[in-house]
Amino acid sequence: IATGLAFLPMTLMIIIGSTFAGRLVARL
């Protein structure tokens, strides 16, 4: 269970990166 919780920040960062990637691609 602790390992599963430890992976949650990684998943949030993937979502954040994917969200900004689309905007950055449109510019750069």
PDB file of all heavy atoms in Angstrom:
ATOM      1  N   ILE A   1       0.834  -1.205   0.000  1.00  0.00           N
ATOM      2  CA  ILE A   1       0.000   0.000   0.000  1.00  0.00           C
ATOM      3  C   ILE A   1       0.867   1.254   0.000  1.00  0.00           C
ATOM      4  O   ILE A   1       0.613   2.215  -0.735  1.00  0.00           O
ATOM      5  CB  ILE A   1      -0.952   0.001   1.211  1.00  0.00           C
ATOM      6  CG1 ILE A   1      -2.022  -1.080   1.049  1.00  0.00           C
ATOM      7  CG2 ILE A   1      -1.607   1.367   1.369  1.00  0.00           C
ATOM      8  CD1 ILE A   1      -2.991  -1.165   2.207  1.00  0.00           C
ATOM      9  N   ALA A   2       1.916   1.269   0.809  1.00  0.00           N
ATOM     10  CA  ALA A   2       2.811   2.431   0.856  1.00  0.00           C
ATOM     11  C   ALA A   2       3.485   2.644  -0.500  1.00  0.00           C
ATOM     12  O   ALA A   2       3.668   3.784  -0.940  1.00  0.00           O
ATOM     13  CB  ALA A   2       3.861   2.240   1.946  1.00  0.00           C
ATOM     14  N   THR A   3       3.834   1.561  -1.173  1.00  0.00           N
ATOM     15  CA  THR A   3       4.444   1.684  -2.499  1.00  0.00           C
ATOM     16  C   THR A   3       3.451   2.277  -3.486  1.00  0.00           C
ATOM     17  O   THR A   3       3.815   3.140  -4.302  1.00  0.00           O
ATOM     18  CB  THR A   3       4.911   0.306  -2.996  1.00  0.00           C
ATOM     19  OG1 THR A   3       5.803  -0.259  -2.030  1.00  0.00           O
ATOM     20  CG2 THR A   3       5.614   0.415  -4.332  1.00  0.00           C
ATOM     21  N   GLY A   4       2.210   1.831  -3.438  1.00  0.00           N
ATOM     22  CA  GLY A   4       1.194   2.398  -4.314  1.00  0.00           C
ATOM     23  C   GLY A   4       1.005   3.885  -4.088  1.00  0.00           C
ATOM     24  O   GLY A   4       0.906   4.667  -5.044  1.00  0.00           O
ATOM     25  N   LEU A   5       0.974   4.309  -2.832  1.00  0.00           N
ATOM     26  CA  LEU A   5       0.850   5.735  -2.524  1.00  0.00           C
ATOM     27  C   LEU A   5       2.076   6.515  -2.995  1.00  0.00           C
ATOM     28  O   LEU A   5       1.967   7.657  -3.445  1.00  0.00           O
ATOM     29  CB  LEU A   5       0.652   5.924  -1.021  1.00  0.00           C
ATOM     30  CG  LEU A   5      -0.694   5.460  -0.448  1.00  0.00           C
ATOM     31  CD1 LEU A   5      -0.677   5.501   1.075  1.00  0.00           C
ATOM     32  CD2 LEU A   5      -1.830   6.335  -0.989  1.00  0.00           C
ATOM     33  N   ALA A   6       3.247   5.879  -2.906  1.00  0.00           N
ATOM     34  CA  ALA A   6       4.479   6.544  -3.332  1.00  0.00           C
ATOM     35  C   ALA A   6       4.492   6.827  -4.829  1.00  0.00           C
ATOM     36  O   ALA A   6       5.176   7.756  -5.284  1.00  0.00           O
ATOM     37  CB  ALA A   6       5.693   5.684  -2.962  1.00  0.00           C
ATOM     38  N   PHE A   7       3.737   6.069  -5.597  1.00  0.00           N
ATOM     39  CA  PHE A   7       3.679   6.280  -7.042  1.00  0.00           C
ATOM     40  C   PHE A   7       2.724   7.408  -7.441  1.00  0.00           C
ATOM     41  O   PHE A   7       2.783   7.889  -8.578  1.00  0.00           O
ATOM     42  CB  PHE A   7       3.241   5.000  -7.754  1.00  0.00           C
ATOM     43  CG  PHE A   7       4.353   4.010  -7.978  1.00  0.00           C
ATOM     44  CD1 PHE A   7       4.191   2.680  -7.645  1.00  0.00           C
ATOM     45  CD2 PHE A   7       5.556   4.413  -8.533  1.00  0.00           C
ATOM     46  CE1 PHE A   7       5.209   1.758  -7.865  1.00  0.00           C
ATOM     47  CE2 PHE A   7       6.573   3.506  -8.748  1.00  0.00           C
ATOM     48  CZ  PHE A   7       6.410   2.180  -8.415  1.00  0.00           C
ATOM     49  N   LEU A   8       1.855   7.839  -6.542  1.00  0.00           N
ATOM     50  CA  LEU A   8       0.864   8.850  -6.905  1.00  0.00           C
ATOM     51  C   LEU A   8       1.488  10.175  -7.364  1.00  0.00           C
ATOM     52  O   LEU A   8       1.028  10.754  -8.357  1.00  0.00           O
ATOM     53  CB  LEU A   8      -0.101   9.083  -5.740  1.00  0.00           C
ATOM     54  CG  LEU A   8      -1.158   8.001  -5.519  1.00  0.00           C
ATOM     55  CD1 LEU A   8      -2.074   8.381  -4.370  1.00  0.00           C
ATOM     56  CD2 LEU A   8      -1.983   7.774  -6.787  1.00  0.00           C
ATOM     57  N   PRO A   9       2.522  10.717  -6.669  1.00  0.00           N
ATOM     58  CA  PRO A   9       3.130  11.955  -7.192  1.00  0.00           C
ATOM     59  C   PRO A   9       3.675  11.801  -8.602  1.00  0.00           C
ATOM     60  O   PRO A   9       3.636  12.754  -9.400  1.00  0.00           O
ATOM     61  CB  PRO A   9       4.259  12.231  -6.188  1.00  0.00           C
ATOM     62  CG  PRO A   9       3.828  11.552  -4.927  1.00  0.00           C
ATOM     63  CD  PRO A   9       3.115  10.326  -5.376  1.00  0.00           C
ATOM     64  N   MET A  10       4.168  10.619  -8.953  1.00  0.00           N
ATOM     65  CA  MET A  10       4.679  10.390 -10.295  1.00  0.00           C
ATOM     66  C   MET A  10       3.547  10.505 -11.310  1.00  0.00           C
ATOM     67  O   MET A  10       3.705  11.116 -12.383  1.00  0.00           O
ATOM     68  CB  MET A  10       5.328   9.012 -10.369  1.00  0.00           C
ATOM     69  CG  MET A  10       6.483   8.816  -9.392  1.00  0.00           C
ATOM     70  SD  MET A  10       7.077   7.103  -9.318  1.00  0.00           S
ATOM     71  CE  MET A  10       7.939   6.980 -10.883  1.00  0.00           C
ATOM     72  N   THR A  11       2.406   9.941 -10.974  1.00  0.00           N
ATOM     73  CA  THR A  11       1.265   9.999 -11.881  1.00  0.00           C
ATOM     74  C   THR A  11       0.781  11.433 -12.059  1.00  0.00           C
ATOM     75  O   THR A  11       0.445  11.852 -13.174  1.00  0.00           O
ATOM     76  CB  THR A  11       0.128   9.121 -11.351  1.00  0.00           C
ATOM     77  OG1 THR A  11       0.617   7.796 -11.135  1.00  0.00           O
ATOM     78  CG2 THR A  11      -1.032   9.085 -12.312  1.00  0.00           C
ATOM     79  N   LEU A  12       0.745  12.200 -10.965  1.00  0.00           N
ATOM     80  CA  LEU A  12       0.333  13.601 -11.057  1.00  0.00           C
ATOM     81  C   LEU A  12       1.279  14.400 -11.953  1.00  0.00           C
ATOM     82  O   LEU A  12       0.845  15.255 -12.737  1.00  0.00           O
ATOM     83  CB  LEU A  12       0.281  14.222  -9.656  1.00  0.00           C
ATOM     84  CG  LEU A  12      -0.804  13.671  -8.726  1.00  0.00           C
ATOM     85  CD1 LEU A  12      -0.687  14.288  -7.336  1.00  0.00           C
ATOM     86  CD2 LEU A  12      -2.190  13.947  -9.306  1.00  0.00           C
ATOM     87  N   MET A  13       2.572  14.118 -11.873  1.00  0.00           N
ATOM     88  CA  MET A  13       3.534  14.830 -12.712  1.00  0.00           C
ATOM     89  C   MET A  13       3.353  14.466 -14.185  1.00  0.00           C
ATOM     90  O   MET A  13       3.546  15.310 -15.072  1.00  0.00           O
ATOM     91  CB  MET A  13       4.961  14.523 -12.259  1.00  0.00           C
ATOM     92  CG  MET A  13       5.342  15.159 -10.938  1.00  0.00           C
ATOM     93  SD  MET A  13       5.166  16.966 -10.933  1.00  0.00           S
ATOM     94  CE  MET A  13       6.497  17.452 -12.029  1.00  0.00           C
ATOM     95  N   ILE A  14       3.000  13.217 -14.476  1.00  0.00           N
ATOM     96  CA  ILE A  14       2.718  12.835 -15.864  1.00  0.00           C
ATOM     97  C   ILE A  14       1.523  13.620 -16.391  1.00  0.00           C
ATOM     98  O   ILE A  14       1.534  14.125 -17.530  1.00  0.00           O
ATOM     99  CB  ILE A  14       2.465  11.318 -15.963  1.00  0.00           C
ATOM    100  CG1 ILE A  14       3.763  10.545 -15.693  1.00  0.00           C
ATOM    101  CG2 ILE A  14       1.917  10.952 -17.341  1.00  0.00           C
ATOM    102  CD1 ILE A  14       3.584   9.043 -15.669  1.00  0.00           C
ATOM    103  N   ILE A  15       0.491  13.754 -15.572  1.00  0.00           N
ATOM    104  CA  ILE A  15      -0.700  14.507 -15.987  1.00  0.00           C
ATOM    105  C   ILE A  15      -0.349  15.973 -16.204  1.00  0.00           C
ATOM    106  O   ILE A  15      -0.762  16.594 -17.196  1.00  0.00           O
ATOM    107  CB  ILE A  15      -1.811  14.354 -14.935  1.00  0.00           C
ATOM    108  CG1 ILE A  15      -2.279  12.894 -14.876  1.00  0.00           C
ATOM    109  CG2 ILE A  15      -2.981  15.272 -15.244  1.00  0.00           C
ATOM    110  CD1 ILE A  15      -3.245  12.601 -13.741  1.00  0.00           C
ATOM    111  N   ILE A  16       0.433  16.556 -15.288  1.00  0.00           N
ATOM    112  CA  ILE A  16       0.833  17.954 -15.426  1.00  0.00           C
ATOM    113  C   ILE A  16       1.668  18.152 -16.689  1.00  0.00           C
ATOM    114  O   ILE A  16       1.453  19.087 -17.472  1.00  0.00           O
ATOM    115  CB  ILE A  16       1.621  18.417 -14.181  1.00  0.00           C
ATOM    116  CG1 ILE A  16       0.691  18.483 -12.970  1.00  0.00           C
ATOM    117  CG2 ILE A  16       2.281  19.782 -14.426  1.00  0.00           C
ATOM    118  CD1 ILE A  16       1.409  18.709 -11.648  1.00  0.00           C
ATOM    119  N   GLY A  17       2.638  17.265 -16.906  1.00  0.00           N
ATOM    120  CA  GLY A  17       3.473  17.376 -18.096  1.00  0.00           C
ATOM    121  C   GLY A  17       2.661  17.260 -19.372  1.00  0.00           C
ATOM    122  O   GLY A  17       2.869  18.017 -20.327  1.00  0.00           O
ATOM    123  N   SER A  18       1.705  16.332 -19.408  1.00  0.00           N
ATOM    124  CA  SER A  18       0.867  16.158 -20.596  1.00  0.00           C
ATOM    125  C   SER A  18       0.002  17.385 -20.844  1.00  0.00           C
ATOM    126  O   SER A  18      -0.232  17.780 -21.991  1.00  0.00           O
ATOM    127  CB  SER A  18      -0.027  14.927 -20.428  1.00  0.00           C
ATOM    128  OG  SER A  18       0.742  13.759 -20.271  1.00  0.00           O
ATOM    129  N   THR A  19      -0.478  18.009 -19.758  1.00  0.00           N
ATOM    130  CA  THR A  19      -1.332  19.190 -19.896  1.00  0.00           C
ATOM    131  C   THR A  19      -0.574  20.357 -20.525  1.00  0.00           C
ATOM    132  O   THR A  19      -1.075  21.031 -21.437  1.00  0.00           O
ATOM    133  CB  THR A  19      -1.878  19.615 -18.518  1.00  0.00           C
ATOM    134  OG1 THR A  19      -2.611  18.525 -17.947  1.00  0.00           O
ATOM    135  CG2 THR A  19      -2.772  20.826 -18.644  1.00  0.00           C
ATOM    136  N   PHE A  20       0.644  20.601 -20.059  1.00  0.00           N
ATOM    137  CA  PHE A  20       1.412  21.730 -20.577  1.00  0.00           C
ATOM    138  C   PHE A  20       2.059  21.427 -21.927  1.00  0.00           C
ATOM    139  O   PHE A  20       2.380  22.345 -22.680  1.00  0.00           O
ATOM    140  CB  PHE A  20       2.487  22.136 -19.568  1.00  0.00           C
ATOM    141  CG  PHE A  20       1.963  22.922 -18.408  1.00  0.00           C
ATOM    142  CD1 PHE A  20       1.710  22.302 -17.195  1.00  0.00           C
ATOM    143  CD2 PHE A  20       1.696  24.274 -18.530  1.00  0.00           C
ATOM    144  CE1 PHE A  20       1.215  23.015 -16.120  1.00  0.00           C
ATOM    145  CE2 PHE A  20       1.198  24.997 -17.469  1.00  0.00           C
ATOM    146  CZ  PHE A  20       0.955  24.373 -16.247  1.00  0.00           C
ATOM    147  N   ALA A  21       2.264  20.148 -22.216  1.00  0.00           N
ATOM    148  CA  ALA A  21       2.953  19.782 -23.457  1.00  0.00           C
ATOM    149  C   ALA A  21       2.194  20.277 -24.681  1.00  0.00           C
ATOM    150  O   ALA A  21       2.803  20.788 -25.634  1.00  0.00           O
ATOM    151  CB  ALA A  21       3.148  18.273 -23.530  1.00  0.00           C
ATOM    152  N   GLY A  22       0.873  20.138 -24.681  1.00  0.00           N
ATOM    153  CA  GLY A  22       0.090  20.572 -25.831  1.00  0.00           C
ATOM    154  C   GLY A  22       0.253  22.055 -26.099  1.00  0.00           C
ATOM    155  O   GLY A  22       0.380  22.487 -27.251  1.00  0.00           O
ATOM    156  N   ARG A  23       0.250  22.861 -25.038  1.00  0.00           N
ATOM    157  CA  ARG A  23       0.410  24.312 -25.212  1.00  0.00           C
ATOM    158  C   ARG A  23       1.807  24.658 -25.691  1.00  0.00           C
ATOM    159  O   ARG A  23       1.996  25.535 -26.540  1.00  0.00           O
ATOM    160  CB  ARG A  23       0.131  25.019 -23.882  1.00  0.00           C
ATOM    161  CG  ARG A  23      -1.245  24.724 -23.300  1.00  0.00           C
ATOM    162  CD  ARG A  23      -1.396  25.333 -21.912  1.00  0.00           C
ATOM    163  NE  ARG A  23      -2.629  24.892 -21.256  1.00  0.00           N
ATOM    164  CZ  ARG A  23      -2.946  25.195 -20.005  1.00  0.00           C
ATOM    165  NH1 ARG A  23      -2.113  25.931 -19.275  1.00  0.00           N
ATOM    166  NH2 ARG A  23      -4.074  24.771 -19.477  1.00  0.00           N
ATOM    167  N   LEU A  24       2.803  23.975 -25.145  1.00  0.00           N
ATOM    168  CA  LEU A  24       4.185  24.266 -25.527  1.00  0.00           C
ATOM    169  C   LEU A  24       4.456  23.861 -26.975  1.00  0.00           C
ATOM    170  O   LEU A  24       5.205  24.542 -27.687  1.00  0.00           O
ATOM    171  CB  LEU A  24       5.143  23.537 -24.588  1.00  0.00           C
ATOM    172  CG  LEU A  24       5.163  24.049 -23.141  1.00  0.00           C
ATOM    173  CD1 LEU A  24       5.996  23.117 -22.257  1.00  0.00           C
ATOM    174  CD2 LEU A  24       5.713  25.464 -23.079  1.00  0.00           C
ATOM    175  N   VAL A  25       3.858  22.756 -27.416  1.00  0.00           N
ATOM    176  CA  VAL A  25       4.050  22.331 -28.799  1.00  0.00           C
ATOM    177  C   VAL A  25       3.493  23.377 -29.756  1.00  0.00           C
ATOM    178  O   VAL A  25       4.091  23.654 -30.806  1.00  0.00           O
ATOM    179  CB  VAL A  25       3.376  20.962 -29.038  1.00  0.00           C
ATOM    180  CG1 VAL A  25       3.293  20.645 -30.526  1.00  0.00           C
ATOM    181  CG2 VAL A  25       4.145  19.867 -28.318  1.00  0.00           C
ATOM    182  N   ALA A  26       2.358  23.989 -29.405  1.00  0.00           N
ATOM    183  CA  ALA A  26       1.771  25.009 -30.267  1.00  0.00           C
ATOM    184  C   ALA A  26       2.697  26.221 -30.419  1.00  0.00           C
ATOM    185  O   ALA A  26       2.679  26.905 -31.443  1.00  0.00           O
ATOM    186  CB  ALA A  26       0.421  25.454 -29.704  1.00  0.00           C
ATOM    187  N   ARG A  27       3.526  26.474 -29.418  1.00  0.00           N
ATOM    188  CA  ARG A  27       4.419  27.635 -29.467  1.00  0.00           C
ATOM    189  C   ARG A  27       5.796  27.301 -30.039  1.00  0.00           C
ATOM    190  O   ARG A  27       6.367  28.084 -30.804  1.00  0.00           O
ATOM    191  CB  ARG A  27       4.602  28.212 -28.055  1.00  0.00           C
ATOM    192  CG  ARG A  27       3.337  28.784 -27.451  1.00  0.00           C
ATOM    193  CD  ARG A  27       3.622  29.384 -26.077  1.00  0.00           C
ATOM    194  NE  ARG A  27       2.419  29.930 -25.466  1.00  0.00           N
ATOM    195  CZ  ARG A  27       2.396  30.543 -24.282  1.00  0.00           C
ATOM    196  NH1 ARG A  27       3.523  30.667 -23.575  1.00  0.00           N
ATOM    197  NH2 ARG A  27       1.274  31.024 -23.801  1.00  0.00           N
ATOM    198  N   LEU A  28       6.333  26.148 -29.646  1.00  0.00           N
ATOM    199  CA  LEU A  28       7.730  25.837 -29.972  1.00  0.00           C
ATOM    200  C   LEU A  28       7.886  24.702 -30.972  1.00  0.00           C
ATOM    201  O   LEU A  28       8.982  24.517 -31.509  1.00  0.00           O
ATOM    202  CB  LEU A  28       8.487  25.489 -28.683  1.00  0.00           C
ATOM    203  CG  LEU A  28       8.488  26.553 -27.584  1.00  0.00           C
ATOM    204  CD1 LEU A  28       9.166  26.015 -26.328  1.00  0.00           C
ATOM    205  CD2 LEU A  28       9.162  27.831 -28.064  1.00  0.00           C
TER     206      LEU A  28
END
